[in-house]
C-alpha atoms as a PDB file:
ATOM      1  CA  UNK A   1     -51.979 -62.983  84.515  1.00  0.00           C
ATOM      2  CA  UNK A   2     -53.240 -63.908  81.080  1.00  0.00           C
ATOM      3  CA  UNK A   3     -55.257 -60.707  80.902  1.00  0.00           C
ATOM      4  CA  UNK A   4     -52.268 -58.698  81.999  1.00  0.00           C
ATOM      5  CA  UNK A   5     -50.114 -60.245  79.282  1.00  0.00           C
ATOM      6  CA  UNK A   6     -52.767 -59.519  76.664  1.00  0.00           C
ATOM      7  CA  UNK A   7     -52.892 -55.939  77.891  1.00  0.00           C
ATOM      8  CA  UNK A   8     -49.132 -55.570  77.504  1.00  0.00           C
ATOM      9  CA  UNK A   9     -49.228 -57.126  74.004  1.00  0.00           C
ATOM     10  CA  UNK A  10     -52.125 -54.856  73.105  1.00  0.00           C
ATOM     11  CA  UNK A  11     -50.180 -51.849  74.287  1.00  0.00           C
ATOM     12  CA  UNK A  12     -47.170 -52.934  72.233  1.00  0.00           C
ATOM     13  CA  UNK A  13     -49.384 -53.524  69.241  1.00  0.00           C
ATOM     14  CA  UNK A  14     -50.949 -50.094  69.630  1.00  0.00           C
ATOM     15  CA  UNK A  15     -47.504 -48.535  70.046  1.00  0.00           C
ATOM     16  CA  UNK A  16     -46.277 -50.333  66.925  1.00  0.00           C
ATOM     17  CA  UNK A  17     -49.311 -49.159  64.934  1.00  0.00           C
ATOM     18  CA  UNK A  18     -48.821 -45.569  66.123  1.00  0.00           C
ATOM     19  CA  UNK A  19     -45.092 -45.762  65.362  1.00  0.00           C
ATOM     20  CA  UNK A  20     -45.809 -47.146  61.884  1.00  0.00           C
ATOM     21  CA  UNK A  21     -48.364 -44.442  61.234  1.00  0.00           C
ATOM     22  CA  UNK A  22     -45.926 -41.790  62.463  1.00  0.00           C
ATOM     23  CA  UNK A  23     -43.160 -43.209  60.281  1.00  0.00           C
ATOM     24  CA  UNK A  24     -45.482 -43.240  57.258  1.00  0.00           C
ATOM     25  CA  UNK A  25     -46.593 -39.671  57.978  1.00  0.00           C
ATOM     26  CA  UNK A  26     -42.952 -38.580  58.399  1.00  0.00           C
ATOM     27  CA  UNK A  27     -42.034 -40.290  55.121  1.00  0.00           C
ATOM     28  CA  UNK A  28     -44.887 -38.539  53.310  1.00  0.00           C
ATOM     29  CA  UNK A  29     -43.933 -35.186  54.827  1.00  0.00           C
ATOM     30  CA  UNK A  30     -40.278 -35.772  53.952  1.00  0.00           C
ATOM     31  CA  UNK A  31     -41.246 -36.648  50.370  1.00  0.00           C
ATOM     32  CA  UNK A  32     -43.334 -33.472  50.086  1.00  0.00           C
ATOM     33  CA  UNK A  33     -40.494 -31.380  51.527  1.00  0.00           C
ATOM     34  CA  UNK A  34     -38.047 -32.992  49.117  1.00  0.00           C
ATOM     35  CA  UNK A  35     -40.347 -32.139  46.202  1.00  0.00           C
ATOM     36  CA  UNK A  36     -40.655 -28.563  47.434  1.00  0.00           C
ATOM     37  CA  UNK A  37     -36.898 -28.281  47.846  1.00  0.00           C
ATOM     38  CA  UNK A  38     -36.304 -29.575  44.298  1.00  0.00           C
ATOM     39  CA  UNK A  39     -38.929 -27.173  42.939  1.00  0.00           C
ATOM     40  CA  UNK A  40     -37.377 -24.243  44.822  1.00  0.00           C
ATOM     41  CA  UNK A  41     -33.912 -25.243  43.671  1.00  0.00           C
ATOM     42  CA  UNK A  42     -35.101 -25.364  40.046  1.00  0.00           C
ATOM     43  CA  UNK A  43     -36.857 -22.017  40.431  1.00  0.00           C
ATOM     44  CA  UNK A  44     -33.748 -20.385  41.920  1.00  0.00           C
ATOM     45  CA  UNK A  45     -31.554 -21.942  39.231  1.00  0.00           C
ATOM     46  CA  UNK A  46     -33.861 -20.483  36.557  1.00  0.00           C
ATOM     47  CA  UNK A  47     -33.745 -17.079  38.256  1.00  0.00           C
ATOM     48  CA  UNK A  48     -29.944 -17.187  38.472  1.00  0.00           C
ATOM     49  CA  UNK A  49     -29.713 -18.192  34.794  1.00  0.00           C
ATOM     50  CA  UNK A  50     -32.007 -15.286  33.824  1.00  0.00           C
ATOM     51  CA  UNK A  51     -29.983 -12.857  35.953  1.00  0.00           C
ATOM     52  CA  UNK A  52     -26.776 -14.130  34.326  1.00  0.00           C
ATOM     53  CA  UNK A  53     -28.337 -13.596  30.897  1.00  0.00           C
ATOM     54  CA  UNK A  54     -29.423 -10.057  31.785  1.00  0.00           C
ATOM     55  CA  UNK A  55     -26.009  -9.357  33.298  1.00  0.00           C
ATOM     56  CA  UNK A  56     -24.359 -10.466  30.047  1.00  0.00           C
ATOM     57  CA  UNK A  57     -26.607  -8.125  28.048  1.00  0.00           C
ATOM     58  CA  UNK A  58     -25.863  -5.203  30.385  1.00  0.00           C
ATOM     59  CA  UNK A  59     -22.116  -5.926  30.264  1.00  0.00           C
ATOM     60  CA  UNK A  60     -22.226  -5.939  26.467  1.00  0.00           C
ATOM     61  CA  UNK A  61     -24.173  -2.669  26.416  1.00  0.00           C
ATOM     62  CA  UNK A  62     -21.704  -1.125  28.875  1.00  0.00           C
ATOM     63  CA  UNK A  63     -18.813  -2.210  26.683  1.00  0.00           C
ATOM     64  CA  UNK A  64     -20.502  -0.600  23.666  1.00  0.00           C
ATOM     65  CA  UNK A  65     -21.074   2.620  25.629  1.00  0.00           C
ATOM     66  CA  UNK A  66     -17.444   2.658  26.777  1.00  0.00           C
ATOM     67  CA  UNK A  67     -16.298   2.235  23.176  1.00  0.00           C
ATOM     68  CA  UNK A  68     -18.578   5.072  22.088  1.00  0.00           C
ATOM     69  CA  UNK A  69     -17.283   7.255  24.914  1.00  0.00           C
ATOM     70  CA  UNK A  70     -13.656   6.517  24.033  1.00  0.00           C
ATOM     71  CA  UNK A  71     -14.367   7.307  20.384  1.00  0.00           C
ATOM     72  CA  UNK A  72     -16.041  10.603  21.342  1.00  0.00           C
ATOM     73  CA  UNK A  73     -13.153  11.509  23.640  1.00  0.00           C
ATOM     74  CA  UNK A  74     -10.685  10.824  20.833  1.00  0.00           C
ATOM     75  CA  UNK A  75     -12.833  12.866  18.455  1.00  0.00           C
ATOM     76  CA  UNK A  76     -12.964  15.811  20.859  1.00  0.00           C
ATOM     77  CA  UNK A  77      -9.205  15.611  21.386  1.00  0.00           C
ATOM     78  CA  UNK A  78      -8.541  15.420  17.646  1.00  0.00           C
ATOM     79  CA  UNK A  79     -10.924  18.315  16.961  1.00  0.00           C
ATOM     80  CA  UNK A  80      -9.104  20.353  19.600  1.00  0.00           C
ATOM     81  CA  UNK A  81      -5.784  19.572  17.956  1.00  0.00           C
ATOM     82  CA  UNK A  82      -7.209  20.531  14.560  1.00  0.00           C
ATOM     83  CA  UNK A  83      -8.464  23.853  15.909  1.00  0.00           C
ATOM     84  CA  UNK A  84      -5.102  24.501  17.559  1.00  0.00           C
ATOM     85  CA  UNK A  85      -3.251  23.672  14.356  1.00  0.00           C
ATOM     86  CA  UNK A  86      -5.510  25.850  12.208  1.00  0.00           C
ATOM     87  CA  UNK A  87      -5.066  28.833  14.535  1.00  0.00           C
ATOM     88  CA  UNK A  88      -1.273  28.450  14.816  1.00  0.00           C
ATOM     89  CA  UNK A  89       0.757  31.324  13.324  1.00  0.00           C
ATOM     90  CA  UNK A  90       2.622  28.927  11.018  1.00  0.00           C
ATOM     91  CA  UNK A  91      -0.506  26.969  10.021  1.00  0.00           C
ATOM     92  CA  UNK A  92      -0.531  25.590   6.507  1.00  0.00           C
ATOM     93  CA  UNK A  93      -3.841  24.290   5.223  1.00  0.00           C
ATOM     94  CA  UNK A  94      -4.231  21.742   2.458  1.00  0.00           C
ATOM     95  CA  UNK A  95      -7.761  21.311   1.170  1.00  0.00           C
ATOM     96  CA  UNK A  96      -8.479  17.862  -0.230  1.00  0.00           C
ATOM     97  CA  UNK A  97     -10.859  17.599  -3.170  1.00  0.00           C
ATOM     98  CA  UNK A  98     -12.864  14.469  -4.000  1.00  0.00           C
ATOM     99  CA  UNK A  99     -11.886  12.056  -6.729  1.00  0.00           C
ATOM    100  CA  UNK A 100     -14.112   9.673  -8.674  1.00  0.00           C
ATOM    101  CA  UNK A 101     -14.472   6.846  -6.088  1.00  0.00           C
ATOM    102  CA  UNK A 102     -15.957   9.306  -3.548  1.00  0.00           C
ATOM    103  CA  UNK A 103     -17.428  12.342  -5.362  1.00  0.00           C
ATOM    104  CA  UNK A 104     -19.167  13.634  -2.208  1.00  0.00           C
ATOM    105  CA  UNK A 105     -16.135  13.487   0.065  1.00  0.00           C
ATOM    106  CA  UNK A 106     -13.926  16.323   1.308  1.00  0.00           C
ATOM    107  CA  UNK A 107     -10.978  16.845   3.599  1.00  0.00           C
ATOM    108  CA  UNK A 108      -8.584  19.334   5.083  1.00  0.00           C
ATOM    109  CA  UNK A 109      -5.077  18.972   6.516  1.00  0.00           C
ATOM    110  CA  UNK A 110      -3.679  21.505   8.967  1.00  0.00           C
ATOM    111  CA  UNK A 111       0.110  21.400   9.243  1.00  0.00           C
ATOM    112  CA  UNK A 112       1.958  23.362  11.934  1.00  0.00           C
ATOM    113  CA  UNK A 113       5.605  22.464  12.555  1.00  0.00           C
ATOM    114  CA  UNK A 114       5.612  24.941  15.467  1.00  0.00           C
ATOM    115  CA  UNK A 115       3.238  22.681  17.396  1.00  0.00           C
ATOM    116  CA  UNK A 116       4.569  19.520  15.754  1.00  0.00           C
ATOM    117  CA  UNK A 117       1.070  18.814  14.437  1.00  0.00           C
ATOM    118  CA  UNK A 118      -0.382  17.550  11.204  1.00  0.00           C
ATOM    119  CA  UNK A 119      -4.122  16.958  11.579  1.00  0.00           C
ATOM    120  CA  UNK A 120      -6.403  15.531   8.904  1.00  0.00           C
ATOM    121  CA  UNK A 121     -10.176  15.808   8.888  1.00  0.00           C
ATOM    122  CA  UNK A 122     -12.243  13.986   6.257  1.00  0.00           C
ATOM    123  CA  UNK A 123     -15.949  13.528   5.588  1.00  0.00           C
ATOM    124  CA  UNK A 124     -18.085  11.629   3.117  1.00  0.00           C
ATOM    125  CA  UNK A 125     -15.733   8.710   2.540  1.00  0.00           C
ATOM    126  CA  UNK A 126     -17.427   5.348   1.930  1.00  0.00           C
ATOM    127  CA  UNK A 127     -16.964   2.519   4.404  1.00  0.00           C
ATOM    128  CA  UNK A 128     -13.947   0.481   3.254  1.00  0.00           C
ATOM    129  CA  UNK A 129     -14.565  -3.135   2.244  1.00  0.00           C
ATOM    130  CA  UNK A 130     -13.181  -5.872   4.526  1.00  0.00           C
ATOM    131  CA  UNK A 131      -9.394  -5.987   4.548  1.00  0.00           C
ATOM    132  CA  UNK A 132      -9.041  -2.353   3.423  1.00  0.00           C
ATOM    133  CA  UNK A 133      -8.368   0.979   5.134  1.00  0.00           C
ATOM    134  CA  UNK A 134      -7.494   4.505   4.112  1.00  0.00           C
ATOM    135  CA  UNK A 135      -3.939   5.798   3.955  1.00  0.00           C
ATOM    136  CA  UNK A 136      -2.762   9.411   3.844  1.00  0.00           C
ATOM    137  CA  UNK A 137       0.322  10.267   1.780  1.00  0.00           C
ATOM    138  CA  UNK A 138       2.573  13.295   1.489  1.00  0.00           C
ATOM    139  CA  UNK A 139       3.677  13.952  -2.080  1.00  0.00           C
ATOM    140  CA  UNK A 140       7.060  15.736  -2.062  1.00  0.00           C
ATOM    141  CA  UNK A 141       9.137  17.174  -4.889  1.00  0.00           C
ATOM    142  CA  UNK A 142      12.183  15.063  -3.918  1.00  0.00           C
ATOM    143  CA  UNK A 143      10.949  11.928  -2.193  1.00  0.00           C
ATOM    144  CA  UNK A 144       7.654  11.421  -4.039  1.00  0.00           C
ATOM    145  CA  UNK A 145       5.022   9.539  -2.021  1.00  0.00           C
ATOM    146  CA  UNK A 146       5.702   9.314   1.726  1.00  0.00           C
ATOM    147  CA  UNK A 147       3.261   7.437   3.972  1.00  0.00           C
ATOM    148  CA  UNK A 148       1.751   9.693   6.627  1.00  0.00           C
ATOM    149  CA  UNK A 149      -1.029   7.788   8.443  1.00  0.00           C
ATOM    150  CA  UNK A 150      -3.547   4.968   8.305  1.00  0.00           C
ATOM    151  CA  UNK A 151      -7.107   5.658   9.373  1.00  0.00           C
ATOM    152  CA  UNK A 152     -10.663   4.376   9.426  1.00  0.00           C
ATOM    153  CA  UNK A 153     -13.847   6.397   9.269  1.00  0.00           C
ATOM    154  CA  UNK A 154     -16.951   6.224  11.402  1.00  0.00           C
ATOM    155  CA  UNK A 155     -20.349   5.156  10.094  1.00  0.00           C
ATOM    156  CA  UNK A 156     -20.848   8.620   8.567  1.00  0.00           C
ATOM    157  CA  UNK A 157     -17.577   8.443   6.654  1.00  0.00           C
ATOM    158  CA  UNK A 158     -15.890  10.974   8.948  1.00  0.00           C
ATOM    159  CA  UNK A 159     -12.544  10.961  10.751  1.00  0.00           C
ATOM    160  CA  UNK A 160     -10.237  13.440  12.476  1.00  0.00           C
ATOM    161  CA  UNK A 161      -6.771  12.228  13.438  1.00  0.00           C
ATOM    162  CA  UNK A 162      -3.144  13.194  13.846  1.00  0.00           C
ATOM    163  CA  UNK A 163      -0.581  12.343  11.194  1.00  0.00           C
ATOM    164  CA  UNK A 164       3.176  12.506  10.871  1.00  0.00           C
ATOM    165  CA  UNK A 165       4.565  15.813   9.626  1.00  0.00           C
ATOM    166  CA  UNK A 166       5.740  16.117   6.026  1.00  0.00           C
ATOM    167  CA  UNK A 167       9.443  15.255   5.625  1.00  0.00           C
ATOM    168  CA  UNK A 168      11.711  18.059   6.856  1.00  0.00           C
ATOM    169  CA  UNK A 169      13.183  20.151   4.057  1.00  0.00           C
ATOM    170  CA  UNK A 170      10.819  18.633   1.503  1.00  0.00           C
ATOM    171  CA  UNK A 171       8.758  20.870  -0.784  1.00  0.00           C
ATOM    172  CA  UNK A 172       5.282  19.519  -0.291  1.00  0.00           C
ATOM    173  CA  UNK A 173       3.318  19.240  -3.506  1.00  0.00           C
ATOM    174  CA  UNK A 174       0.160  17.514  -2.312  1.00  0.00           C
ATOM    175  CA  UNK A 175      -1.656  15.381   0.185  1.00  0.00           C
ATOM    176  CA  UNK A 176      -3.411  12.256  -1.085  1.00  0.00           C
ATOM    177  CA  UNK A 177      -5.786   9.701   0.457  1.00  0.00           C
ATOM    178  CA  UNK A 178      -5.896   6.220  -1.084  1.00  0.00           C
ATOM    179  CA  UNK A 179      -7.598   2.961  -0.195  1.00  0.00           C
ATOM    180  CA  UNK A 180      -5.053   0.261   0.676  1.00  0.00           C
ATOM    181  CA  UNK A 181      -4.926  -3.123   2.373  1.00  0.00           C
ATOM    182  CA  UNK A 182      -5.127  -3.209   6.165  1.00  0.00           C
ATOM    183  CA  UNK A 183      -1.746  -2.397   7.646  1.00  0.00           C
ATOM    184  CA  UNK A 184      -0.855  -0.079   4.787  1.00  0.00           C
ATOM    185  CA  UNK A 185       1.702  -0.231   2.021  1.00  0.00           C
ATOM    186  CA  UNK A 186       5.026   1.547   1.405  1.00  0.00           C
ATOM    187  CA  UNK A 187       3.874   3.213  -1.805  1.00  0.00           C
ATOM    188  CA  UNK A 188       0.309   3.996  -2.934  1.00  0.00           C
ATOM    189  CA  UNK A 189      -1.309   1.275  -5.009  1.00  0.00           C
ATOM    190  CA  UNK A 190      -5.041   1.813  -4.450  1.00  0.00           C
ATOM    191  CA  UNK A 191      -7.528   4.225  -5.903  1.00  0.00           C
ATOM    192  CA  UNK A 192      -7.192   7.905  -4.959  1.00  0.00           C
ATOM    193  CA  UNK A 193     -10.193   9.159  -2.976  1.00  0.00           C
ATOM    194  CA  UNK A 194      -8.973  12.639  -2.003  1.00  0.00           C
ATOM    195  CA  UNK A 195      -6.195  14.874  -3.328  1.00  0.00           C
ATOM    196  CA  UNK A 196      -5.161  18.422  -2.638  1.00  0.00           C
ATOM    197  CA  UNK A 197      -2.199  20.689  -3.321  1.00  0.00           C
ATOM    198  CA  UNK A 198      -0.565  23.102  -0.922  1.00  0.00           C
END
């Protein structure tokens, strides 16, 4: 009986030792898995952050390309309008000569009331300083200076854009481009960059 009891206790002791060893092994394995999971999570988080960064760069580049495309489309449209205006049977061309602030600049205005177009093309104008932009004026014999359009140039100092027509019934004396504050003014106040008579 005594031997039997010792055998049962020994079996329990052995079972307890095995269970303890299994629990310790499971704890060690669980700890290793937890470390691996944390490492994988950190690795994936770093990959996601890098992908987000690259996505931001690509989105910015796409936005730049879309802006360039829109600018080119506007340029093509404006050039088409200029060609149409210049070929119109009632076309009136005003060549703009450079003035002192921009001695290497030039411009041309094509006016065609038949097509309700007045198109200006300029080149060689310097980049305006912050807070400034160019303004086109009609100079009439009766009304004097009449604002026609505000515009900005590209990095090469070029621009092609539509403008309002000269006032109806007005004898047009000249077209003038000045540098004014952003938003324009009612009467020219800035330096004259281009001027041409009809």
